[in-house]
Amino acid sequence: TTGAASDSTPDAFSFTDVTNADATTVYQSTITLAGFNTAATASISSSAISGFKVNSGSFGTGSQTVNSGNTITVFVRSAAGSFQQQAAVITVGGVSDTFSVVTGNTGGGGGGGIE
């Protein structure tokens, strides 16, 4: 008998985005990988303060090897201003999802008025 063909492409995954976030606050979301039987590479792409970890490992920004059944937790620090988006893209075996954090109205003065 022959084993299953090697497959390093996971099923689609989706992080839970955050809206109406507080300013300069760290938010995170976790997914469980499934649908593949060969190790794959997980990576992050972001201009925000962000990182990810596999299972109970440490947060970082470097690529990591993952297997089906592993969890990935991604974090993004929200922006300082109102209604601004910060995001990180996690890619595993060619499949990607964006974790997005959008601030609500962070308050502050109206500004810009003539005195």
C-alpha atoms as a PDB file:
ATOM      1  CA  THR A   1       0.000   0.000   0.000  1.00  0.00           C
ATOM      2  CA  THR A   2       1.020   3.543  -0.675  1.00  0.00           C
ATOM      3  CA  GLY A   3       0.562   6.391   1.785  1.00  0.00           C
ATOM      4  CA  ALA A   4      -1.313   9.572   1.025  1.00  0.00           C
ATOM      5  CA  ALA A   5       0.352  12.003  -1.327  1.00  0.00           C
ATOM      6  CA  SER A   6       2.371  14.751   0.342  1.00  0.00           C
ATOM      7  CA  ASP A   7       0.264  17.859   0.875  1.00  0.00           C
ATOM      8  CA  SER A   8       1.708  20.980   2.521  1.00  0.00           C
ATOM      9  CA  THR A   9      -1.236  23.259   1.672  1.00  0.00           C
ATOM     10  CA  PRO A  10      -3.593  23.784   4.628  1.00  0.00           C
ATOM     11  CA  ASP A  11      -7.316  24.381   4.463  1.00  0.00           C
ATOM     12  CA  ALA A  12      -8.288  28.061   4.392  1.00  0.00           C
ATOM     13  CA  PHE A  13      -8.137  29.703   7.809  1.00  0.00           C
ATOM     14  CA  SER A  14      -9.532  32.965   9.101  1.00  0.00           C
ATOM     15  CA  PHE A  15      -8.446  35.113  12.019  1.00  0.00           C
ATOM     16  CA  THR A  16     -11.159  37.063  13.848  1.00  0.00           C
ATOM     17  CA  ASP A  17     -10.666  40.735  13.009  1.00  0.00           C
ATOM     18  CA  VAL A  18     -11.152  43.452  15.628  1.00  0.00           C
ATOM     19  CA  THR A  19     -13.161  46.643  15.121  1.00  0.00           C
ATOM     20  CA  ASN A  20     -13.717  49.544  17.500  1.00  0.00           C
ATOM     21  CA  ALA A  21     -10.407  48.686  19.178  1.00  0.00           C
ATOM     22  CA  ASP A  22      -8.862  50.785  21.917  1.00  0.00           C
ATOM     23  CA  ALA A  23      -5.795  52.777  20.850  1.00  0.00           C
ATOM     24  CA  THR A  24      -2.283  51.339  21.277  1.00  0.00           C
ATOM     25  CA  THR A  25      -3.574  48.050  22.657  1.00  0.00           C
ATOM     26  CA  VAL A  26      -2.391  44.549  21.732  1.00  0.00           C
ATOM     27  CA  TYR A  27      -5.049  42.260  20.244  1.00  0.00           C
ATOM     28  CA  GLN A  28      -4.622  38.639  19.213  1.00  0.00           C
ATOM     29  CA  SER A  29      -6.449  35.857  17.413  1.00  0.00           C
ATOM     30  CA  THR A  30      -5.780  32.104  17.227  1.00  0.00           C
ATOM     31  CA  ILE A  31      -6.527  29.537  14.511  1.00  0.00           C
ATOM     32  CA  THR A  32      -5.935  25.784  14.289  1.00  0.00           C
ATOM     33  CA  LEU A  33      -4.332  24.483  11.105  1.00  0.00           C
ATOM     34  CA  ALA A  34      -5.886  21.521   9.277  1.00  0.00           C
ATOM     35  CA  GLY A  35      -6.036  19.788   5.933  1.00  0.00           C
ATOM     36  CA  PHE A  36      -2.400  18.962   5.175  1.00  0.00           C
ATOM     37  CA  ASN A  37      -0.051  16.084   5.985  1.00  0.00           C
ATOM     38  CA  THR A  38       3.437  17.478   5.335  1.00  0.00           C
ATOM     39  CA  ALA A  39       5.193  20.232   7.300  1.00  0.00           C
ATOM     40  CA  ALA A  40       4.687  23.733   5.917  1.00  0.00           C
ATOM     41  CA  THR A  41       6.272  27.122   6.548  1.00  0.00           C
ATOM     42  CA  ALA A  42       4.366  29.860   8.370  1.00  0.00           C
ATOM     43  CA  SER A  43       5.403  33.482   7.952  1.00  0.00           C
ATOM     44  CA  ILE A  44       4.170  36.978   8.819  1.00  0.00           C
ATOM     45  CA  SER A  45       4.130  40.167   6.798  1.00  0.00           C
ATOM     46  CA  SER A  46       3.231  43.430   8.490  1.00  0.00           C
ATOM     47  CA  SER A  47       4.218  47.060   8.911  1.00  0.00           C
ATOM     48  CA  ALA A  48       2.474  47.147  12.307  1.00  0.00           C
ATOM     49  CA  ILE A  49       3.891  46.115  15.662  1.00  0.00           C
ATOM     50  CA  SER A  50       3.005  42.439  15.393  1.00  0.00           C
ATOM     51  CA  GLY A  51       4.169  38.856  15.668  1.00  0.00           C
ATOM     52  CA  PHE A  52       2.988  35.276  15.793  1.00  0.00           C
ATOM     53  CA  LYS A  53       3.630  32.061  17.653  1.00  0.00           C
ATOM     54  CA  VAL A  54       3.043  28.378  16.991  1.00  0.00           C
ATOM     55  CA  ASN A  55       1.336  26.449  19.796  1.00  0.00           C
ATOM     56  CA  SER A  56       2.768  27.642  23.123  1.00  0.00           C
ATOM     57  CA  GLY A  57       6.025  28.935  21.642  1.00  0.00           C
ATOM     58  CA  SER A  58       7.352  32.465  21.824  1.00  0.00           C
ATOM     59  CA  PHE A  59       6.058  35.348  19.719  1.00  0.00           C
ATOM     60  CA  GLY A  60       8.352  36.409  16.903  1.00  0.00           C
ATOM     61  CA  THR A  61       8.458  37.524  13.295  1.00  0.00           C
ATOM     62  CA  GLY A  62      10.653  34.818  11.769  1.00  0.00           C
ATOM     63  CA  SER A  63       9.300  31.961   9.661  1.00  0.00           C
ATOM     64  CA  GLN A  64       8.395  28.774  11.530  1.00  0.00           C
ATOM     65  CA  THR A  65       7.660  25.186  10.543  1.00  0.00           C
ATOM     66  CA  VAL A  66       4.094  24.048  11.260  1.00  0.00           C
ATOM     67  CA  ASN A  67       2.063  20.857  11.006  1.00  0.00           C
ATOM     68  CA  SER A  68      -1.632  20.091  10.764  1.00  0.00           C
ATOM     69  CA  GLY A  69      -3.217  20.438  14.200  1.00  0.00           C
ATOM     70  CA  ASN A  70      -0.840  23.218  15.296  1.00  0.00           C
ATOM     71  CA  THR A  71      -2.284  26.515  16.473  1.00  0.00           C
ATOM     72  CA  ILE A  72      -1.084  29.907  15.283  1.00  0.00           C
ATOM     73  CA  THR A  73      -1.707  32.977  17.411  1.00  0.00           C
ATOM     74  CA  VAL A  74      -1.092  36.363  15.788  1.00  0.00           C
ATOM     75  CA  PHE A  75      -0.964  39.711  17.591  1.00  0.00           C
ATOM     76  CA  VAL A  76      -1.202  43.267  16.314  1.00  0.00           C
ATOM     77  CA  ARG A  77      -0.916  46.481  18.313  1.00  0.00           C
ATOM     78  CA  SER A  78      -3.653  48.925  17.400  1.00  0.00           C
ATOM     79  CA  ALA A  79      -2.938  52.411  16.083  1.00  0.00           C
ATOM     80  CA  ALA A  80      -2.886  55.523  18.263  1.00  0.00           C
ATOM     81  CA  GLY A  81      -5.482  57.450  16.242  1.00  0.00           C
ATOM     82  CA  SER A  82      -9.180  57.067  15.592  1.00  0.00           C
ATOM     83  CA  PHE A  83     -10.484  54.797  12.835  1.00  0.00           C
ATOM     84  CA  GLN A  84      -7.044  53.540  11.779  1.00  0.00           C
ATOM     85  CA  GLN A  85      -6.209  50.009  10.662  1.00  0.00           C
ATOM     86  CA  GLN A  86      -3.184  47.924  11.583  1.00  0.00           C
ATOM     87  CA  ALA A  87      -2.851  44.462  10.108  1.00  0.00           C
ATOM     88  CA  ALA A  88      -0.644  41.404   9.772  1.00  0.00           C
ATOM     89  CA  VAL A  89      -0.797  38.752   7.053  1.00  0.00           C
ATOM     90  CA  ILE A  90      -0.053  35.161   8.060  1.00  0.00           C
ATOM     91  CA  THR A  91       0.875  32.798   5.208  1.00  0.00           C
ATOM     92  CA  VAL A  92       1.078  29.022   5.630  1.00  0.00           C
ATOM     93  CA  GLY A  93       1.934  26.789   2.686  1.00  0.00           C
ATOM     94  CA  GLY A  94       0.693  29.398   0.214  1.00  0.00           C
ATOM     95  CA  VAL A  95      -2.598  30.084   2.056  1.00  0.00           C
ATOM     96  CA  SER A  96      -2.939  33.529   3.662  1.00  0.00           C
ATOM     97  CA  ASP A  97      -5.260  35.503   5.906  1.00  0.00           C
ATOM     98  CA  THR A  98      -5.063  39.051   7.232  1.00  0.00           C
ATOM     99  CA  PHE A  99      -5.636  39.821  10.909  1.00  0.00           C
ATOM    100  CA  SER A 100      -6.946  43.376  10.992  1.00  0.00           C
ATOM    101  CA  VAL A 101      -7.360  45.685  13.988  1.00  0.00           C
ATOM    102  CA  VAL A 102      -9.262  48.950  13.456  1.00  0.00           C
ATOM    103  CA  THR A 103      -9.514  51.565  16.197  1.00  0.00           C
ATOM    104  CA  GLY A 104     -12.773  53.224  17.124  1.00  0.00           C
ATOM    105  CA  ASN A 105     -13.104  56.869  18.068  1.00  0.00           C
ATOM    106  CA  THR A 106     -10.184  57.341  20.424  1.00  0.00           C
ATOM    107  CA  GLY A 107     -11.453  60.696  21.670  1.00  0.00           C
ATOM    108  CA  GLY A 108      -9.318  63.767  21.907  1.00  0.00           C
ATOM    109  CA  GLY A 109     -10.179  67.320  20.987  1.00  0.00           C
ATOM    110  CA  GLY A 110     -11.785  68.395  17.749  1.00  0.00           C
ATOM    111  CA  GLY A 111      -8.663  70.390  16.939  1.00  0.00           C
ATOM    112  CA  GLY A 112      -8.106  72.550  13.917  1.00  0.00           C
ATOM    113  CA  GLY A 113     -10.570  75.248  14.986  1.00  0.00           C
ATOM    114  CA  ILE A 114      -9.850  78.956  14.692  1.00  0.00           C
ATOM    115  CA  GLU A 115      -9.360  80.615  18.038  1.00  0.00           C
END
